[in-house]
Amino acid sequence: HTHFPQRIEEIKRGIWQEGGFPVVMPTLSVGETYVRP
């Protein structure tokens, strides 16, 4: 998910364009490579 910060900005752009108010809410990441057990 290393490209997600940029994708968030692109999602925001679409929301603004259509008349919405975007808010980013971080949530649990659950990266398969690192999480144990």
PDB file of all heavy atoms in Angstrom:
ATOM      1  N   HIS A   1       0.810  -1.214   0.000  1.00  0.00           N
ATOM      2  CA  HIS A   1       0.000   0.000   0.000  1.00  0.00           C
ATOM      3  C   HIS A   1       0.848   1.270   0.000  1.00  0.00           C
ATOM      4  O   HIS A   1       0.373   2.329   0.400  1.00  0.00           O
ATOM      5  CB  HIS A   1      -0.923   0.009   1.227  1.00  0.00           C
ATOM      6  CG  HIS A   1      -1.967  -1.049   1.214  1.00  0.00           C
ATOM      7  ND1 HIS A   1      -2.908  -1.191   2.227  1.00  0.00           N
ATOM      8  CD2 HIS A   1      -2.251  -2.031   0.321  1.00  0.00           C
ATOM      9  CE1 HIS A   1      -3.697  -2.213   1.954  1.00  0.00           C
ATOM     10  NE2 HIS A   1      -3.314  -2.744   0.800  1.00  0.00           N
ATOM     11  N   THR A   2       2.092   1.184  -0.443  1.00  0.00           N
ATOM     12  CA  THR A   2       2.976   2.343  -0.363  1.00  0.00           C
ATOM     13  C   THR A   2       2.512   3.516  -1.222  1.00  0.00           C
ATOM     14  O   THR A   2       2.909   4.658  -0.986  1.00  0.00           O
ATOM     15  CB  THR A   2       4.411   1.960  -0.758  1.00  0.00           C
ATOM     16  OG1 THR A   2       4.408   1.328  -2.043  1.00  0.00           O
ATOM     17  CG2 THR A   2       5.021   1.008   0.249  1.00  0.00           C
ATOM     18  N   HIS A   3       1.677   3.264  -2.210  1.00  0.00           N
ATOM     19  CA  HIS A   3       1.176   4.325  -3.088  1.00  0.00           C
ATOM     20  C   HIS A   3      -0.116   4.959  -2.578  1.00  0.00           C
ATOM     21  O   HIS A   3      -0.641   5.882  -3.205  1.00  0.00           O
ATOM     22  CB  HIS A   3       0.960   3.779  -4.495  1.00  0.00           C
ATOM     23  CG  HIS A   3       0.067   2.574  -4.581  1.00  0.00           C
ATOM     24  ND1 HIS A   3       0.183   1.491  -3.743  1.00  0.00           N
ATOM     25  CD2 HIS A   3      -0.974   2.266  -5.417  1.00  0.00           C
ATOM     26  CE1 HIS A   3      -0.721   0.584  -4.047  1.00  0.00           C
ATOM     27  NE2 HIS A   3      -1.436   1.037  -5.059  1.00  0.00           N
ATOM     28  N   PHE A   4      -0.629   4.516  -1.454  1.00  0.00           N
ATOM     29  CA  PHE A   4      -1.924   5.007  -0.983  1.00  0.00           C
ATOM     30  C   PHE A   4      -1.949   6.490  -0.624  1.00  0.00           C
ATOM     31  O   PHE A   4      -2.978   7.148  -0.847  1.00  0.00           O
ATOM     32  CB  PHE A   4      -2.402   4.172   0.198  1.00  0.00           C
ATOM     33  CG  PHE A   4      -3.109   2.893  -0.203  1.00  0.00           C
ATOM     34  CD1 PHE A   4      -3.127   2.455  -1.510  1.00  0.00           C
ATOM     35  CD2 PHE A   4      -3.769   2.123   0.750  1.00  0.00           C
ATOM     36  CE1 PHE A   4      -3.767   1.288  -1.882  1.00  0.00           C
ATOM     37  CE2 PHE A   4      -4.422   0.958   0.395  1.00  0.00           C
ATOM     38  CZ  PHE A   4      -4.422   0.535  -0.920  1.00  0.00           C
ATOM     39  N   PRO A   5      -0.889   7.074  -0.038  1.00  0.00           N
ATOM     40  CA  PRO A   5      -0.981   8.521   0.223  1.00  0.00           C
ATOM     41  C   PRO A   5      -1.299   9.331  -1.025  1.00  0.00           C
ATOM     42  O   PRO A   5      -2.096  10.281  -0.968  1.00  0.00           O
ATOM     43  CB  PRO A   5       0.418   8.851   0.784  1.00  0.00           C
ATOM     44  CG  PRO A   5       0.836   7.582   1.470  1.00  0.00           C
ATOM     45  CD  PRO A   5       0.322   6.486   0.563  1.00  0.00           C
ATOM     46  N   GLN A   6      -0.713   8.950  -2.164  1.00  0.00           N
ATOM     47  CA  GLN A   6      -1.029   9.654  -3.398  1.00  0.00           C
ATOM     48  C   GLN A   6      -2.445   9.336  -3.877  1.00  0.00           C
ATOM     49  O   GLN A   6      -3.169  10.226  -4.337  1.00  0.00           O
ATOM     50  CB  GLN A   6      -0.021   9.283  -4.493  1.00  0.00           C
ATOM     51  CG  GLN A   6      -0.224  10.018  -5.811  1.00  0.00           C
ATOM     52  CD  GLN A   6      -0.108  11.521  -5.676  1.00  0.00           C
ATOM     53  OE1 GLN A   6       0.748  12.017  -4.941  1.00  0.00           O
ATOM     54  NE2 GLN A   6      -0.972  12.264  -6.348  1.00  0.00           N
ATOM     55  N   ARG A   7      -2.862   8.084  -3.746  1.00  0.00           N
ATOM     56  CA  ARG A   7      -4.217   7.729  -4.169  1.00  0.00           C
ATOM     57  C   ARG A   7      -5.267   8.480  -3.333  1.00  0.00           C
ATOM     58  O   ARG A   7      -6.331   8.843  -3.839  1.00  0.00           O
ATOM     59  CB  ARG A   7      -4.437   6.224  -4.049  1.00  0.00           C
ATOM     60  CG  ARG A   7      -3.627   5.387  -5.016  1.00  0.00           C
ATOM     61  CD  ARG A   7      -4.001   5.668  -6.468  1.00  0.00           C
ATOM     62  NE  ARG A   7      -3.110   4.937  -7.359  1.00  0.00           N
ATOM     63  CZ  ARG A   7      -1.948   5.418  -7.790  1.00  0.00           C
ATOM     64  NH1 ARG A   7      -1.547   6.646  -7.451  1.00  0.00           N
ATOM     65  NH2 ARG A   7      -1.178   4.700  -8.590  1.00  0.00           N
ATOM     66  N   ILE A   8      -4.982   8.706  -2.072  1.00  0.00           N
ATOM     67  CA  ILE A   8      -5.914   9.455  -1.223  1.00  0.00           C
ATOM     68  C   ILE A   8      -6.149  10.844  -1.794  1.00  0.00           C
ATOM     69  O   ILE A   8      -7.298  11.323  -1.844  1.00  0.00           O
ATOM     70  CB  ILE A   8      -5.383   9.521   0.223  1.00  0.00           C
ATOM     71  CG1 ILE A   8      -5.517   8.153   0.897  1.00  0.00           C
ATOM     72  CG2 ILE A   8      -6.116  10.594   1.033  1.00  0.00           C
ATOM     73  CD1 ILE A   8      -4.817   8.044   2.231  1.00  0.00           C
ATOM     74  N   GLU A   9      -5.079  11.497  -2.241  1.00  0.00           N
ATOM     75  CA  GLU A   9      -5.235  12.832  -2.825  1.00  0.00           C
ATOM     76  C   GLU A   9      -6.075  12.782  -4.095  1.00  0.00           C
ATOM     77  O   GLU A   9      -6.861  13.692  -4.377  1.00  0.00           O
ATOM     78  CB  GLU A   9      -3.858  13.441  -3.109  1.00  0.00           C
ATOM     79  CG  GLU A   9      -3.020  13.683  -1.872  1.00  0.00           C
ATOM     80  CD  GLU A   9      -3.766  14.502  -0.825  1.00  0.00           C
ATOM     81  OE1 GLU A   9      -4.328  15.569  -1.184  1.00  0.00           O
ATOM     82  OE2 GLU A   9      -3.796  14.081   0.349  1.00  0.00           O
ATOM     83  N   GLU A  10      -5.922  11.710  -4.858  1.00  0.00           N
ATOM     84  CA  GLU A  10      -6.697  11.579  -6.100  1.00  0.00           C
ATOM     85  C   GLU A  10      -8.164  11.276  -5.801  1.00  0.00           C
ATOM     86  O   GLU A  10      -9.059  11.752  -6.510  1.00  0.00           O
ATOM     87  CB  GLU A  10      -6.049  10.505  -6.969  1.00  0.00           C
ATOM     88  CG  GLU A  10      -4.715  10.963  -7.535  1.00  0.00           C
ATOM     89  CD  GLU A  10      -3.636   9.887  -7.573  1.00  0.00           C
ATOM     90  OE1 GLU A  10      -3.915   8.737  -7.173  1.00  0.00           O
ATOM     91  OE2 GLU A  10      -2.510  10.213  -7.984  1.00  0.00           O
ATOM     92  N   ILE A  11      -8.422  10.503  -4.762  1.00  0.00           N
ATOM     93  CA  ILE A  11      -9.804  10.257  -4.339  1.00  0.00           C
ATOM     94  C   ILE A  11     -10.433  11.558  -3.846  1.00  0.00           C
ATOM     95  O   ILE A  11     -11.582  11.886  -4.191  1.00  0.00           O
ATOM     96  CB  ILE A  11      -9.845   9.181  -3.242  1.00  0.00           C
ATOM     97  CG1 ILE A  11      -9.400   7.829  -3.795  1.00  0.00           C
ATOM     98  CG2 ILE A  11     -11.244   9.071  -2.646  1.00  0.00           C
ATOM     99  CD1 ILE A  11      -9.089   6.800  -2.722  1.00  0.00           C
ATOM    100  N   LYS A  12      -9.680  12.312  -3.058  1.00  0.00           N
ATOM    101  CA  LYS A  12     -10.176  13.609  -2.569  1.00  0.00           C
ATOM    102  C   LYS A  12     -10.570  14.513  -3.734  1.00  0.00           C
ATOM    103  O   LYS A  12     -11.603  15.191  -3.702  1.00  0.00           O
ATOM    104  CB  LYS A  12      -9.097  14.306  -1.740  1.00  0.00           C
ATOM    105  CG  LYS A  12      -8.927  13.810  -0.322  1.00  0.00           C
ATOM    106  CD  LYS A  12      -7.875  14.686   0.361  1.00  0.00           C
ATOM    107  CE  LYS A  12      -7.695  14.344   1.815  1.00  0.00           C
ATOM    108  NZ  LYS A  12      -6.675  15.220   2.448  1.00  0.00           N
ATOM    109  N   ARG A  13      -9.721  14.530  -4.760  1.00  0.00           N
ATOM    110  CA  ARG A  13      -9.990  15.374  -5.924  1.00  0.00           C
ATOM    111  C   ARG A  13     -11.354  15.052  -6.523  1.00  0.00           C
ATOM    112  O   ARG A  13     -12.150  15.951  -6.823  1.00  0.00           O
ATOM    113  CB  ARG A  13      -8.890  15.171  -6.965  1.00  0.00           C
ATOM    114  CG  ARG A  13      -9.035  16.024  -8.222  1.00  0.00           C
ATOM    115  CD  ARG A  13      -7.826  15.827  -9.121  1.00  0.00           C
ATOM    116  NE  ARG A  13      -7.809  14.495  -9.710  1.00  0.00           N
ATOM    117  CZ  ARG A  13      -6.685  13.846 -10.033  1.00  0.00           C
ATOM    118  NH1 ARG A  13      -5.509  14.386  -9.775  1.00  0.00           N
ATOM    119  NH2 ARG A  13      -6.756  12.656 -10.600  1.00  0.00           N
ATOM    120  N   GLY A  14     -11.642  13.753  -6.666  1.00  0.00           N
ATOM    121  CA  GLY A  14     -12.933  13.362  -7.211  1.00  0.00           C
ATOM    122  C   GLY A  14     -14.091  13.750  -6.301  1.00  0.00           C
ATOM    123  O   GLY A  14     -15.149  14.189  -6.781  1.00  0.00           O
ATOM    124  N   ILE A  15     -13.902  13.604  -5.005  1.00  0.00           N
ATOM    125  CA  ILE A  15     -14.972  13.962  -4.055  1.00  0.00           C
ATOM    126  C   ILE A  15     -15.250  15.458  -4.107  1.00  0.00           C
ATOM    127  O   ILE A  15     -16.411  15.892  -4.158  1.00  0.00           O
ATOM    128  CB  ILE A  15     -14.574  13.516  -2.634  1.00  0.00           C
ATOM    129  CG1 ILE A  15     -14.525  11.987  -2.552  1.00  0.00           C
ATOM    130  CG2 ILE A  15     -15.551  14.075  -1.589  1.00  0.00           C
ATOM    131  CD1 ILE A  15     -13.904  11.448  -1.278  1.00  0.00           C
ATOM    132  N   TRP A  16     -14.181  16.281  -4.096  1.00  0.00           N
ATOM    133  CA  TRP A  16     -14.379  17.725  -4.197  1.00  0.00           C
ATOM    134  C   TRP A  16     -15.100  18.083  -5.497  1.00  0.00           C
ATOM    135  O   TRP A  16     -16.024  18.927  -5.504  1.00  0.00           O
ATOM    136  CB  TRP A  16     -13.033  18.453  -4.160  1.00  0.00           C
ATOM    137  CG  TRP A  16     -12.326  18.533  -2.839  1.00  0.00           C
ATOM    138  CD1 TRP A  16     -11.092  18.035  -2.532  1.00  0.00           C
ATOM    139  CD2 TRP A  16     -12.780  19.190  -1.647  1.00  0.00           C
ATOM    140  NE1 TRP A  16     -10.751  18.318  -1.235  1.00  0.00           N
ATOM    141  CE2 TRP A  16     -11.769  19.030  -0.666  1.00  0.00           C
ATOM    142  CE3 TRP A  16     -13.940  19.880  -1.316  1.00  0.00           C
ATOM    143  CZ2 TRP A  16     -11.883  19.551   0.621  1.00  0.00           C
ATOM    144  CZ3 TRP A  16     -14.057  20.403  -0.032  1.00  0.00           C
ATOM    145  CH2 TRP A  16     -13.052  20.237   0.930  1.00  0.00           C
ATOM    146  N   GLN A  17     -14.677  17.463  -6.595  1.00  0.00           N
ATOM    147  CA  GLN A  17     -15.266  17.791  -7.889  1.00  0.00           C
ATOM    148  C   GLN A  17     -16.769  17.542  -7.924  1.00  0.00           C
ATOM    149  O   GLN A  17     -17.515  18.260  -8.587  1.00  0.00           O
ATOM    150  CB  GLN A  17     -14.589  16.962  -8.994  1.00  0.00           C
ATOM    151  CG  GLN A  17     -13.168  17.391  -9.317  1.00  0.00           C
ATOM    152  CD  GLN A  17     -12.465  16.423 -10.247  1.00  0.00           C
ATOM    153  OE1 GLN A  17     -12.911  15.288 -10.433  1.00  0.00           O
ATOM    154  NE2 GLN A  17     -11.357  16.844 -10.842  1.00  0.00           N
ATOM    155  N   GLU A  18     -17.213  16.504  -7.198  1.00  0.00           N
ATOM    156  CA  GLU A  18     -18.627  16.140  -7.240  1.00  0.00           C
ATOM    157  C   GLU A  18     -19.418  16.809  -6.118  1.00  0.00           C
ATOM    158  O   GLU A  18     -20.615  16.566  -5.962  1.00  0.00           O
ATOM    159  CB  GLU A  18     -18.761  14.613  -7.143  1.00  0.00           C
ATOM    160  CG  GLU A  18     -20.092  14.053  -7.616  1.00  0.00           C
ATOM    161  CD  GLU A  18     -20.412  14.392  -9.061  1.00  0.00           C
ATOM    162  OE1 GLU A  18     -19.478  14.408  -9.901  1.00  0.00           O
ATOM    163  OE2 GLU A  18     -21.596  14.641  -9.354  1.00  0.00           O
ATOM    164  N   GLY A  19     -18.763  17.667  -5.345  1.00  0.00           N
ATOM    165  CA  GLY A  19     -19.492  18.425  -4.329  1.00  0.00           C
ATOM    166  C   GLY A  19     -19.559  17.762  -2.979  1.00  0.00           C
ATOM    167  O   GLY A  19     -20.475  18.054  -2.187  1.00  0.00           O
ATOM    168  N   GLY A  20     -18.614  16.903  -2.663  1.00  0.00           N
ATOM    169  CA  GLY A  20     -18.562  16.283  -1.346  1.00  0.00           C
ATOM    170  C   GLY A  20     -17.455  16.877  -0.494  1.00  0.00           C
ATOM    171  O   GLY A  20     -16.640  17.677  -0.961  1.00  0.00           O
ATOM    172  N   PHE A  21     -17.430  16.495   0.759  1.00  0.00           N
ATOM    173  CA  PHE A  21     -16.410  16.947   1.702  1.00  0.00           C
ATOM    174  C   PHE A  21     -15.619  15.727   2.174  1.00  0.00           C
ATOM    175  O   PHE A  21     -16.128  14.912   2.946  1.00  0.00           O
ATOM    176  CB  PHE A  21     -17.067  17.656   2.890  1.00  0.00           C
ATOM    177  CG  PHE A  21     -16.106  18.111   3.952  1.00  0.00           C
ATOM    178  CD1 PHE A  21     -14.989  18.865   3.633  1.00  0.00           C
ATOM    179  CD2 PHE A  21     -16.327  17.792   5.288  1.00  0.00           C
ATOM    180  CE1 PHE A  21     -14.101  19.288   4.615  1.00  0.00           C
ATOM    181  CE2 PHE A  21     -15.444  18.197   6.282  1.00  0.00           C
ATOM    182  CZ  PHE A  21     -14.330  18.957   5.941  1.00  0.00           C
ATOM    183  N   PRO A  22     -14.373  15.542   1.686  1.00  0.00           N
ATOM    184  CA  PRO A  22     -13.612  14.334   2.012  1.00  0.00           C
ATOM    185  C   PRO A  22     -12.906  14.426   3.369  1.00  0.00           C
ATOM    186  O   PRO A  22     -12.330  15.469   3.709  1.00  0.00           O
ATOM    187  CB  PRO A  22     -12.582  14.264   0.881  1.00  0.00           C
ATOM    188  CG  PRO A  22     -12.367  15.688   0.472  1.00  0.00           C
ATOM    189  CD  PRO A  22     -13.677  16.401   0.713  1.00  0.00           C
ATOM    190  N   VAL A  23     -12.941  13.343   4.107  1.00  0.00           N
ATOM    191  CA  VAL A  23     -12.215  13.253   5.370  1.00  0.00           C
ATOM    192  C   VAL A  23     -11.508  11.898   5.424  1.00  0.00           C
ATOM    193  O   VAL A  23     -12.114  10.859   5.181  1.00  0.00           O
ATOM    194  CB  VAL A  23     -13.145  13.427   6.596  1.00  0.00           C
ATOM    195  CG1 VAL A  23     -13.682  14.841   6.666  1.00  0.00           C
ATOM    196  CG2 VAL A  23     -14.298  12.447   6.573  1.00  0.00           C
ATOM    197  N   VAL A  24     -10.218  11.911   5.716  1.00  0.00           N
ATOM    198  CA  VAL A  24      -9.425  10.687   5.752  1.00  0.00           C
ATOM    199  C   VAL A  24      -9.440  10.113   7.159  1.00  0.00           C
ATOM    200  O   VAL A  24      -9.189  10.823   8.139  1.00  0.00           O
ATOM    201  CB  VAL A  24      -7.975  10.946   5.311  1.00  0.00           C
ATOM    202  CG1 VAL A  24      -7.167   9.654   5.351  1.00  0.00           C
ATOM    203  CG2 VAL A  24      -7.947  11.546   3.915  1.00  0.00           C
ATOM    204  N   MET A  25      -9.749   8.832   7.273  1.00  0.00           N
ATOM    205  CA  MET A  25      -9.822   8.146   8.553  1.00  0.00           C
ATOM    206  C   MET A  25      -8.873   6.944   8.505  1.00  0.00           C
ATOM    207  O   MET A  25      -9.166   5.952   7.838  1.00  0.00           O
ATOM    208  CB  MET A  25     -11.250   7.657   8.831  1.00  0.00           C
ATOM    209  CG  MET A  25     -12.337   8.676   8.537  1.00  0.00           C
ATOM    210  SD  MET A  25     -12.368  10.025   9.690  1.00  0.00           S
ATOM    211  CE  MET A  25     -13.087   9.222  11.114  1.00  0.00           C
ATOM    212  N   PRO A  26      -7.738   7.010   9.182  1.00  0.00           N
ATOM    213  CA  PRO A  26      -6.830   5.851   9.187  1.00  0.00           C
ATOM    214  C   PRO A  26      -7.423   4.691   9.970  1.00  0.00           C
ATOM    215  O   PRO A  26      -8.118   4.888  10.972  1.00  0.00           O
ATOM    216  CB  PRO A  26      -5.572   6.390   9.879  1.00  0.00           C
ATOM    217  CG  PRO A  26      -6.047   7.529  10.707  1.00  0.00           C
ATOM    218  CD  PRO A  26      -7.224   8.127   9.980  1.00  0.00           C
ATOM    219  N   THR A  27      -7.168   3.486   9.492  1.00  0.00           N
ATOM    220  CA  THR A  27      -7.664   2.300  10.176  1.00  0.00           C
ATOM    221  C   THR A  27      -6.584   1.225  10.163  1.00  0.00           C
ATOM    222  O   THR A  27      -5.516   1.406   9.582  1.00  0.00           O
ATOM    223  CB  THR A  27      -8.976   1.804   9.535  1.00  0.00           C
ATOM    224  OG1 THR A  27      -9.551   0.787  10.344  1.00  0.00           O
ATOM    225  CG2 THR A  27      -8.752   1.277   8.135  1.00  0.00           C
ATOM    226  N   LEU A  28      -6.856   0.110  10.809  1.00  0.00           N
ATOM    227  CA  LEU A  28      -5.875  -0.960  10.959  1.00  0.00           C
ATOM    228  C   LEU A  28      -5.379  -1.426   9.591  1.00  0.00           C
ATOM    229  O   LEU A  28      -6.173  -1.675   8.697  1.00  0.00           O
ATOM    230  CB  LEU A  28      -6.526  -2.115  11.718  1.00  0.00           C
ATOM    231  CG  LEU A  28      -5.626  -3.183  12.310  1.00  0.00           C
ATOM    232  CD1 LEU A  28      -4.727  -2.599  13.393  1.00  0.00           C
ATOM    233  CD2 LEU A  28      -6.483  -4.303  12.904  1.00  0.00           C
ATOM    234  N   SER A  29      -4.071  -1.575   9.437  1.00  0.00           N
ATOM    235  CA  SER A  29      -3.511  -1.840   8.118  1.00  0.00           C
ATOM    236  C   SER A  29      -3.435  -3.334   7.778  1.00  0.00           C
ATOM    237  O   SER A  29      -3.694  -3.724   6.652  1.00  0.00           O
ATOM    238  CB  SER A  29      -2.112  -1.228   8.012  1.00  0.00           C
ATOM    239  OG  SER A  29      -1.619  -1.375   6.704  1.00  0.00           O
ATOM    240  N   VAL A  30      -3.072  -4.180   8.698  1.00  0.00           N
ATOM    241  CA  VAL A  30      -3.004  -5.630   8.499  1.00  0.00           C
ATOM    242  C   VAL A  30      -2.139  -6.003   7.295  1.00  0.00           C
ATOM    243  O   VAL A  30      -2.568  -6.694   6.385  1.00  0.00           O
ATOM    244  CB  VAL A  30      -4.420  -6.255   8.327  1.00  0.00           C
ATOM    245  CG1 VAL A  30      -4.392  -7.738   8.680  1.00  0.00           C
ATOM    246  CG2 VAL A  30      -5.451  -5.570   9.201  1.00  0.00           C
ATOM    247  N   GLY A  31      -0.906  -5.521   7.290  1.00  0.00           N
ATOM    248  CA  GLY A  31       0.027  -5.870   6.220  1.00  0.00           C
ATOM    249  C   GLY A  31       0.447  -7.331   6.311  1.00  0.00           C
ATOM    250  O   GLY A  31       1.002  -7.761   7.315  1.00  0.00           O
ATOM    251  N   GLU A  32       0.182  -8.076   5.269  1.00  0.00           N
ATOM    252  CA  GLU A  32       0.372  -9.530   5.288  1.00  0.00           C
ATOM    253  C   GLU A  32       1.813  -9.932   5.585  1.00  0.00           C
ATOM    254  O   GLU A  32       2.068 -10.927   6.259  1.00  0.00           O
ATOM    255  CB  GLU A  32      -0.055 -10.114   3.936  1.00  0.00           C
ATOM    256  CG  GLU A  32      -0.242 -11.609   3.923  1.00  0.00           C
ATOM    257  CD  GLU A  32      -1.477 -12.048   4.694  1.00  0.00           C
ATOM    258  OE1 GLU A  32      -2.419 -11.246   4.819  1.00  0.00           O
ATOM    259  OE2 GLU A  32      -1.484 -13.196   5.176  1.00  0.00           O
ATOM    260  N   THR A  33       2.756  -9.160   5.114  1.00  0.00           N
ATOM    261  CA  THR A  33       4.164  -9.535   5.226  1.00  0.00           C
ATOM    262  C   THR A  33       4.680  -9.487   6.661  1.00  0.00           C
ATOM    263  O   THR A  33       5.560 -10.264   7.034  1.00  0.00           O
ATOM    264  CB  THR A  33       5.016  -8.598   4.355  1.00  0.00           C
ATOM    265  OG1 THR A  33       4.503  -8.609   3.019  1.00  0.00           O
ATOM    266  CG2 THR A  33       6.464  -9.037   4.326  1.00  0.00           C
ATOM    267  N   TYR A  34       4.142  -8.603   7.469  1.00  0.00           N
ATOM    268  CA  TYR A  34       4.758  -8.304   8.759  1.00  0.00           C
ATOM    269  C   TYR A  34       3.964  -8.746   9.986  1.00  0.00           C
ATOM    270  O   TYR A  34       4.533  -8.889  11.061  1.00  0.00           O
ATOM    271  CB  TYR A  34       5.007  -6.790   8.868  1.00  0.00           C
ATOM    272  CG  TYR A  34       5.885  -6.244   7.769  1.00  0.00           C
ATOM    273  CD1 TYR A  34       5.337  -5.620   6.653  1.00  0.00           C
ATOM    274  CD2 TYR A  34       7.270  -6.362   7.836  1.00  0.00           C
ATOM    275  CE1 TYR A  34       6.144  -5.127   5.641  1.00  0.00           C
ATOM    276  CE2 TYR A  34       8.086  -5.877   6.827  1.00  0.00           C
ATOM    277  CZ  TYR A  34       7.513  -5.254   5.728  1.00  0.00           C
ATOM    278  OH  TYR A  34       8.322  -4.778   4.729  1.00  0.00           O
ATOM    279  N   VAL A  35       2.659  -8.918   9.850  1.00  0.00           N
ATOM    280  CA  VAL A  35       1.812  -9.110  11.030  1.00  0.00           C
ATOM    281  C   VAL A  35       1.908 -10.538  11.560  1.00  0.00           C
ATOM    282  O   VAL A  35       1.788 -11.511  10.804  1.00  0.00           O
ATOM    283  CB  VAL A  35       0.341  -8.767  10.694  1.00  0.00           C
ATOM    284  CG1 VAL A  35      -0.589  -9.150  11.848  1.00  0.00           C
ATOM    285  CG2 VAL A  35       0.213  -7.278  10.400  1.00  0.00           C
ATOM    286  N   ARG A  36       2.090 -10.677  12.862  1.00  0.00           N
ATOM    287  CA  ARG A  36       2.089 -11.966  13.543  1.00  0.00           C
ATOM    288  C   ARG A  36       1.081 -11.918  14.690  1.00  0.00           C
ATOM    289  O   ARG A  36       0.809 -10.847  15.217  1.00  0.00           O
ATOM    290  CB  ARG A  36       3.483 -12.278  14.105  1.00  0.00           C
ATOM    291  CG  ARG A  36       4.549 -12.514  13.048  1.00  0.00           C
ATOM    292  CD  ARG A  36       5.885 -12.812  13.721  1.00  0.00           C
ATOM    293  NE  ARG A  36       6.931 -13.097  12.728  1.00  0.00           N
ATOM    294  CZ  ARG A  36       8.197 -13.281  13.049  1.00  0.00           C
ATOM    295  NH1 ARG A  36       8.577 -13.238  14.319  1.00  0.00           N
ATOM    296  NH2 ARG A  36       9.095 -13.528  12.115  1.00  0.00           N
ATOM    297  N   PRO A  37       0.520 -13.067  15.095  1.00  0.00           N
ATOM    298  CA  PRO A  37       0.789 -14.406  14.574  1.00  0.00           C
ATOM    299  C   PRO A  37       0.041 -14.715  13.283  1.00  0.00           C
ATOM    300  O   PRO A  37       0.395 -15.631  12.567  1.00  0.00           O
ATOM    301  CB  PRO A  37       0.287 -15.316  15.700  1.00  0.00           C
ATOM    302  CG  PRO A  37      -0.818 -14.540  16.333  1.00  0.00           C
ATOM    303  CD  PRO A  37      -0.383 -13.111  16.268  1.00  0.00           C
TER     304      PRO A  37
END
